[in-house]
Protein backbone atom coordinates (compact mmCIF):
# COMPACT_ATOMS: atom_id res chain seq x y z
CA MET A 1 -26.45 156.75 234.10
CA LEU A 2 -29.96 158.24 234.12
CA GLN A 3 -30.32 161.96 234.85
CA GLN A 4 -31.93 162.37 238.26
CA LEU A 5 -34.87 164.67 237.58
CA PRO A 6 -37.83 165.14 239.93
CA LEU A 7 -40.61 162.63 239.26
CA GLU A 8 -43.01 165.58 238.85
CA THR A 9 -40.92 166.75 235.88
CA ILE A 10 -40.92 163.31 234.27
CA ASN A 11 -44.65 162.87 234.83
CA GLY A 12 -45.21 166.34 233.37
CA TRP A 13 -43.90 165.13 230.00
CA SER A 14 -47.05 162.98 229.73
CA ARG A 15 -49.71 165.70 229.88
CA ASN A 16 -52.32 165.32 227.12
CA THR A 17 -50.86 162.04 225.83
CA LEU A 18 -51.79 158.36 225.78
CA ILE A 19 -49.60 157.95 228.87
CA GLN A 20 -51.85 160.29 230.86
CA THR A 21 -55.01 158.72 229.41
CA LEU A 22 -53.89 155.26 230.58
CA GLY A 23 -53.06 156.61 234.06
CA ILE A 24 -49.36 155.73 233.85
CA GLU A 25 -47.35 157.46 236.58
CA CYS A 26 -43.61 157.31 237.24
CA VAL A 27 -43.02 156.46 240.88
CA ALA A 28 -39.27 155.78 241.22
CA LEU A 29 -36.00 156.62 239.53
CA ASP A 30 -32.43 155.55 240.25
CA ALA A 31 -29.16 155.52 238.31
CA THR A 32 -30.08 152.53 236.11
CA SER A 33 -33.87 152.11 236.20
CA LEU A 34 -37.19 153.90 235.97
CA THR A 35 -40.40 152.56 237.58
CA ALA A 36 -44.02 153.41 236.78
CA ARG A 37 -47.41 152.08 237.78
CA MET A 38 -50.54 151.75 235.69
CA PRO A 39 -54.12 151.09 236.81
CA VAL A 40 -55.91 147.98 235.64
CA ASP A 41 -59.40 149.37 235.05
CA ALA A 42 -61.77 150.35 232.22
CA ARG A 43 -58.99 152.44 230.60
CA THR A 44 -56.66 149.47 230.28
CA HIS A 45 -59.06 146.48 230.01
CA GLN A 46 -59.75 144.33 227.00
CA PRO A 47 -63.37 143.15 226.42
CA ALA A 48 -63.06 140.19 228.84
CA GLY A 49 -62.21 142.58 231.69
CA LEU A 50 -58.49 141.75 231.84
CA LEU A 51 -55.42 143.91 231.31
CA HIS A 52 -55.11 144.55 227.58
CA GLY A 53 -51.81 143.39 226.06
CA GLY A 54 -51.65 146.68 224.17
CA ALA A 55 -51.78 148.59 227.45
CA SER A 56 -48.81 146.56 228.68
CA MET A 57 -46.99 147.37 225.45
CA ALA A 58 -47.81 151.07 225.92
CA LEU A 59 -46.32 150.90 229.43
CA ILE A 60 -43.16 149.25 228.07
CA GLU A 61 -42.72 151.82 225.30
CA SER A 62 -43.51 154.73 227.62
CA LEU A 63 -40.98 153.65 230.23
CA GLY A 64 -38.23 152.99 227.70
CA SER A 65 -38.79 156.29 225.91
CA MET A 66 -38.84 158.23 229.18
CA GLY A 67 -35.69 156.43 230.26
CA SER A 68 -33.96 157.30 226.99
CA SER A 69 -34.98 160.93 227.51
CA LEU A 70 -32.98 160.77 230.75
CA LEU A 71 -29.89 159.62 228.83
CA ILE A 72 -29.80 162.20 226.04
CA ASP A 73 -29.75 165.96 225.50
CA THR A 74 -33.47 166.55 224.85
CA ASP A 75 -32.74 170.05 223.56
CA THR A 76 -31.09 168.57 220.46
CA GLU A 77 -32.22 164.91 220.34
CA MET A 78 -35.35 162.85 220.83
CA PRO A 79 -36.01 159.14 221.40
CA LEU A 80 -38.25 157.15 219.05
CA GLY A 81 -39.37 153.58 219.58
CA LEU A 82 -37.83 151.39 216.90
CA GLU A 83 -38.84 147.85 217.93
CA ILE A 84 -40.84 146.34 220.76
CA ASN A 85 -41.66 142.80 221.79
CA ALA A 86 -43.31 141.29 224.82
CA ASN A 87 -44.46 138.07 226.40
CA HIS A 88 -47.76 138.28 228.27
CA LEU A 89 -47.48 135.76 231.10
CA ARG A 90 -50.36 136.27 233.53
CA ALA A 91 -53.80 137.89 233.54
CA VAL A 92 -54.71 140.77 235.85
CA ALA A 93 -58.29 142.04 236.24
CA SER A 94 -57.96 144.92 238.69
CA GLY A 95 -55.58 146.93 240.86
CA TYR A 96 -52.27 148.22 239.55
CA VAL A 97 -49.34 146.85 237.62
CA ARG A 98 -45.81 148.14 238.06
CA GLY A 99 -43.25 148.35 235.29
CA VAL A 100 -39.52 148.53 235.92
CA ALA A 101 -37.35 149.56 232.96
CA ARG A 102 -33.63 148.78 233.04
CA ILE A 103 -31.15 149.89 230.41
CA VAL A 104 -29.47 146.98 228.61
CA HIS A 105 -27.53 149.04 226.04
CA ALA A 106 -26.98 152.80 225.89
CA GLY A 107 -25.27 153.56 222.62
CA ARG A 108 -24.94 156.89 220.89
CA ARG A 109 -27.87 156.23 218.51
CA THR A 110 -29.67 153.19 219.97
CA HIS A 111 -30.82 152.21 223.43
CA VAL A 112 -32.21 148.84 224.49
CA TRP A 113 -34.51 148.55 227.52
CA GLN A 114 -35.73 145.49 229.41
CA VAL A 115 -39.08 146.11 231.10
CA ASP A 116 -40.73 143.75 233.58
CA ILE A 117 -44.35 144.34 234.58
CA THR A 118 -45.63 142.83 237.82
CA ASP A 119 -48.98 142.75 239.60
CA GLU A 120 -48.63 145.11 242.58
CA ALA A 121 -50.95 142.97 244.72
CA THR A 122 -49.07 139.69 244.26
CA GLY A 123 -45.64 140.70 242.98
CA LYS A 124 -46.03 138.11 240.20
CA LEU A 125 -44.63 138.76 236.73
CA VAL A 126 -47.41 139.72 234.30
CA CYS A 127 -45.43 140.69 231.20
CA THR A 128 -41.81 141.03 230.15
CA GLY A 129 -40.68 143.03 227.17
CA ARG A 130 -37.83 144.66 225.36
CA LEU A 131 -37.81 148.02 223.60
CA THR A 132 -35.21 149.33 221.16
CA VAL A 133 -35.11 153.13 220.96
CA MET A 134 -33.51 155.14 218.18
CA VAL A 135 -32.03 158.51 219.18
CA VAL A 136 -32.54 161.05 216.39
CA PRO A 137 -31.69 164.75 216.01
CA LYS A 138 -34.59 167.11 216.65
CA ALA A 139 -35.79 168.91 213.56
CA ALA A 140 -34.82 172.58 213.51
């Protein structure tokens, strides 16, 4: 079960990171999922003016890592992305996309997250991905 922290706290973790640069913002949290939105604009476009697949991957990894942070003791452990894959299914040129991360497996040392990204305007699936997170001890 995910720790229920204020969204302001979770979003605060992203200051001065790629997550902030891309405009990713967590907007919902419940016991088993974390939701964020990301703008589709010049920050996240590829040269043809569409959502960059790498931006979608960054959203997937960000959500899974934040979710894992809500499952562990962050004073002694930290989550690191181990493997990520995604299928890009639909193009988006503007607006916002919304990613919903759901925990598939929450082991002691590995977590697996399923993340679905949809176009906020249409509700259509844009990308679906899976992230494996390794939980490692923090260096002293």
